[in-house]
Amino acid sequence: MTKIQIYDPAMCCSTGVCGVEVEQALVDFSADAEWAKQHGAQIERFNLAQQPMAFAEHPTVKAFLERSGKDALPLILVDGQLALAGRYPRRAELARWAGISALPVAAAPTGASCSGSNCC
């Protein structure tokens, strides 16, 4: 099973979705990560403020921080390999990395009657 590791910047809690000023990207990512976990994804998150040794002890993460600094977080590893940095992954990226094939299909808008190239 694919292992996805998220190295978060320093946050107030493990999810970062608390406090007075909540970043919408964190709210979206938390929902997407929970969705991926419910579909079998193995996701681990590490918070720089609460788990600094997880950053210092992983050679890829340590080298990334030395080269790019903590402002370049979050850092995402997939099976130990750098997959993404500087933003949180979208649901489709999590699904692809975890091998989840059944993404929900968005409902078609109602009321429109389009056919082929004849769209209203």
C-alpha atoms as a PDB file:
ATOM      1  CA  MET A   1       0.000   0.000   0.000  1.00  0.00           C
ATOM      2  CA  THR A   2       1.212   3.472  -0.876  1.00  0.00           C
ATOM      3  CA  LYS A   3       2.233   5.619   2.053  1.00  0.00           C
ATOM      4  CA  ILE A   4       1.560   9.373   1.834  1.00  0.00           C
ATOM      5  CA  GLN A   5       3.373  11.556   4.359  1.00  0.00           C
ATOM      6  CA  ILE A   6       2.442  15.199   4.867  1.00  0.00           C
ATOM      7  CA  TYR A   7       4.990  17.451   6.583  1.00  0.00           C
ATOM      8  CA  ASP A   8       2.994  20.484   7.692  1.00  0.00           C
ATOM      9  CA  PRO A   9       4.339  23.862   8.756  1.00  0.00           C
ATOM     10  CA  ALA A  10       4.041  24.751  12.430  1.00  0.00           C
ATOM     11  CA  MET A  11       0.344  24.824  13.311  1.00  0.00           C
ATOM     12  CA  CYS A  12      -1.715  25.049  16.472  1.00  0.00           C
ATOM     13  CA  CYS A  13      -2.978  21.460  16.238  1.00  0.00           C
ATOM     14  CA  SER A  14      -2.566  18.344  14.122  1.00  0.00           C
ATOM     15  CA  THR A  15      -5.027  19.484  11.469  1.00  0.00           C
ATOM     16  CA  GLY A  16      -4.613  23.269  11.565  1.00  0.00           C
ATOM     17  CA  VAL A  17      -8.344  23.750  11.205  1.00  0.00           C
ATOM     18  CA  CYS A  18      -8.901  25.468  14.522  1.00  0.00           C
ATOM     19  CA  GLY A  19      -8.318  28.918  15.893  1.00  0.00           C
ATOM     20  CA  VAL A  20      -9.616  32.299  14.862  1.00  0.00           C
ATOM     21  CA  GLU A  21      -8.193  32.473  11.348  1.00  0.00           C
ATOM     22  CA  VAL A  22      -8.660  29.146   9.582  1.00  0.00           C
ATOM     23  CA  GLU A  23      -6.970  28.769   6.192  1.00  0.00           C
ATOM     24  CA  GLN A  24      -9.480  27.443   3.636  1.00  0.00           C
ATOM     25  CA  ALA A  25      -6.800  25.305   1.963  1.00  0.00           C
ATOM     26  CA  LEU A  26      -6.342  23.413   5.234  1.00  0.00           C
ATOM     27  CA  VAL A  27     -10.076  22.872   5.602  1.00  0.00           C
ATOM     28  CA  ASP A  28     -10.280  21.529   2.046  1.00  0.00           C
ATOM     29  CA  PHE A  29      -7.209  19.350   2.477  1.00  0.00           C
ATOM     30  CA  SER A  30      -8.444  17.920   5.782  1.00  0.00           C
ATOM     31  CA  ALA A  31     -11.698  16.900   4.118  1.00  0.00           C
ATOM     32  CA  ASP A  32      -9.854  15.398   1.136  1.00  0.00           C
ATOM     33  CA  ALA A  33      -7.411  13.517   3.377  1.00  0.00           C
ATOM     34  CA  GLU A  34     -10.271  12.110   5.433  1.00  0.00           C
ATOM     35  CA  TRP A  35     -12.033  11.079   2.219  1.00  0.00           C
ATOM     36  CA  ALA A  36      -8.849   9.339   0.996  1.00  0.00           C
ATOM     37  CA  LYS A  37      -8.430   7.539   4.328  1.00  0.00           C
ATOM     38  CA  GLN A  38     -12.026   6.304   4.108  1.00  0.00           C
ATOM     39  CA  HIS A  39     -11.105   4.851   0.702  1.00  0.00           C
ATOM     40  CA  GLY A  40      -8.078   3.023   2.077  1.00  0.00           C
ATOM     41  CA  ALA A  41      -5.264   5.566   1.709  1.00  0.00           C
ATOM     42  CA  GLN A  42      -2.481   5.463   4.270  1.00  0.00           C
ATOM     43  CA  ILE A  43      -1.790   9.086   5.209  1.00  0.00           C
ATOM     44  CA  GLU A  44       0.463  10.349   7.981  1.00  0.00           C
ATOM     45  CA  ARG A  45       0.756  14.010   8.977  1.00  0.00           C
ATOM     46  CA  PHE A  46       3.581  15.628  10.888  1.00  0.00           C
ATOM     47  CA  ASN A  47       3.347  19.095  12.434  1.00  0.00           C
ATOM     48  CA  LEU A  48       6.611  21.037  12.674  1.00  0.00           C
ATOM     49  CA  ALA A  49       5.536  22.623  15.973  1.00  0.00           C
ATOM     50  CA  GLN A  50       4.554  19.346  17.607  1.00  0.00           C
ATOM     51  CA  GLN A  51       6.848  16.766  15.966  1.00  0.00           C
ATOM     52  CA  PRO A  52      10.123  18.505  15.028  1.00  0.00           C
ATOM     53  CA  MET A  53      12.128  15.281  15.298  1.00  0.00           C
ATOM     54  CA  ALA A  54      10.076  13.728  12.464  1.00  0.00           C
ATOM     55  CA  PHE A  55      11.448  16.509  10.253  1.00  0.00           C
ATOM     56  CA  ALA A  56      15.010  16.308  11.554  1.00  0.00           C
ATOM     57  CA  GLU A  57      15.288  12.529  11.335  1.00  0.00           C
ATOM     58  CA  HIS A  58      14.009  12.052   7.769  1.00  0.00           C
ATOM     59  CA  PRO A  59      16.901  12.717   5.336  1.00  0.00           C
ATOM     60  CA  THR A  60      14.688  13.913   2.465  1.00  0.00           C
ATOM     61  CA  VAL A  61      12.707  16.274   4.690  1.00  0.00           C
ATOM     62  CA  LYS A  62      15.816  17.541   6.464  1.00  0.00           C
ATOM     63  CA  ALA A  63      17.560  18.274   3.143  1.00  0.00           C
ATOM     64  CA  PHE A  64      14.439  20.017   1.833  1.00  0.00           C
ATOM     65  CA  LEU A  65      14.236  22.266   4.891  1.00  0.00           C
ATOM     66  CA  GLU A  66      17.940  23.103   4.710  1.00  0.00           C
ATOM     67  CA  ARG A  67      17.620  24.000   1.009  1.00  0.00           C
ATOM     68  CA  SER A  68      14.198  25.703   0.923  1.00  0.00           C
ATOM     69  CA  GLY A  69      13.344  26.663   4.497  1.00  0.00           C
ATOM     70  CA  LYS A  70      10.215  26.161   6.562  1.00  0.00           C
ATOM     71  CA  ASP A  71       8.257  28.678   4.480  1.00  0.00           C
ATOM     72  CA  ALA A  72       8.284  26.139   1.618  1.00  0.00           C
ATOM     73  CA  LEU A  73       6.158  23.676   3.626  1.00  0.00           C
ATOM     74  CA  PRO A  74       3.983  21.672   3.330  1.00  0.00           C
ATOM     75  CA  LEU A  75       6.065  18.864   1.886  1.00  0.00           C
ATOM     76  CA  ILE A  76       4.420  15.691   0.627  1.00  0.00           C
ATOM     77  CA  LEU A  77       6.248  12.391   0.227  1.00  0.00           C
ATOM     78  CA  VAL A  78       4.788   9.370  -1.512  1.00  0.00           C
ATOM     79  CA  ASP A  79       6.548   6.166  -0.538  1.00  0.00           C
ATOM     80  CA  GLY A  80       9.431   8.289   0.712  1.00  0.00           C
ATOM     81  CA  GLN A  81       9.861  10.216  -2.540  1.00  0.00           C
ATOM     82  CA  LEU A  82       9.191  13.931  -2.907  1.00  0.00           C
ATOM     83  CA  ALA A  83       5.824  14.339  -4.638  1.00  0.00           C
ATOM     84  CA  LEU A  84       4.752  17.916  -3.920  1.00  0.00           C
ATOM     85  CA  ALA A  85       5.877  20.983  -1.966  1.00  0.00           C
ATOM     86  CA  GLY A  86       4.505  24.408  -1.181  1.00  0.00           C
ATOM     87  CA  ARG A  87       0.814  23.516  -1.285  1.00  0.00           C
ATOM     88  CA  TYR A  88      -1.551  20.806  -0.161  1.00  0.00           C
ATOM     89  CA  PRO A  89      -2.534  18.095  -2.626  1.00  0.00           C
ATOM     90  CA  ARG A  90      -5.958  18.060  -4.191  1.00  0.00           C
ATOM     91  CA  ARG A  91      -8.328  15.133  -3.867  1.00  0.00           C
ATOM     92  CA  ALA A  92      -7.460  13.879  -7.368  1.00  0.00           C
ATOM     93  CA  GLU A  93      -3.742  13.847  -6.506  1.00  0.00           C
ATOM     94  CA  LEU A  94      -4.374  11.932  -3.285  1.00  0.00           C
ATOM     95  CA  ALA A  95      -6.538   9.474  -5.209  1.00  0.00           C
ATOM     96  CA  ARG A  96      -3.889   8.945  -7.895  1.00  0.00           C
ATOM     97  CA  TRP A  97      -1.096   8.420  -5.372  1.00  0.00           C
ATOM     98  CA  ALA A  98      -3.207   6.052  -3.254  1.00  0.00           C
ATOM     99  CA  GLY A  99      -4.568   4.154  -6.245  1.00  0.00           C
ATOM    100  CA  ILE A 100      -8.163   5.151  -5.559  1.00  0.00           C
ATOM    101  CA  SER A 101      -9.980   4.873  -8.857  1.00  0.00           C
ATOM    102  CA  ALA A 102     -13.517   5.818  -7.948  1.00  0.00           C
ATOM    103  CA  LEU A 103     -13.634   9.602  -7.758  1.00  0.00           C
ATOM    104  CA  PRO A 104     -17.160  10.913  -7.306  1.00  0.00           C
ATOM    105  CA  VAL A 105     -18.633  12.310 -10.478  1.00  0.00           C
ATOM    106  CA  ALA A 106     -20.020  15.823 -10.254  1.00  0.00           C
ATOM    107  CA  ALA A 107     -23.740  16.014 -10.883  1.00  0.00           C
ATOM    108  CA  ALA A 108     -24.730  17.473 -14.214  1.00  0.00           C
ATOM    109  CA  PRO A 109     -26.453  20.815 -14.001  1.00  0.00           C
ATOM    110  CA  THR A 110     -30.195  20.529 -14.235  1.00  0.00           C
ATOM    111  CA  GLY A 111     -32.353  22.535 -16.572  1.00  0.00           C
ATOM    112  CA  ALA A 112     -29.837  22.700 -19.401  1.00  0.00           C
ATOM    113  CA  SER A 113     -30.574  20.779 -22.534  1.00  0.00           C
ATOM    114  CA  CYS A 114     -27.324  20.480 -24.433  1.00  0.00           C
ATOM    115  CA  SER A 115     -26.744  17.984 -27.157  1.00  0.00           C
ATOM    116  CA  GLY A 116     -23.459  17.577 -28.982  1.00  0.00           C
ATOM    117  CA  SER A 117     -22.243  20.954 -30.200  1.00  0.00           C
ATOM    118  CA  ASN A 118     -25.702  22.511 -29.794  1.00  0.00           C
ATOM    119  CA  CYS A 119     -25.395  23.970 -26.354  1.00  0.00           C
ATOM    120  CA  CYS A 120     -27.674  26.619 -24.942  1.00  0.00           C
END
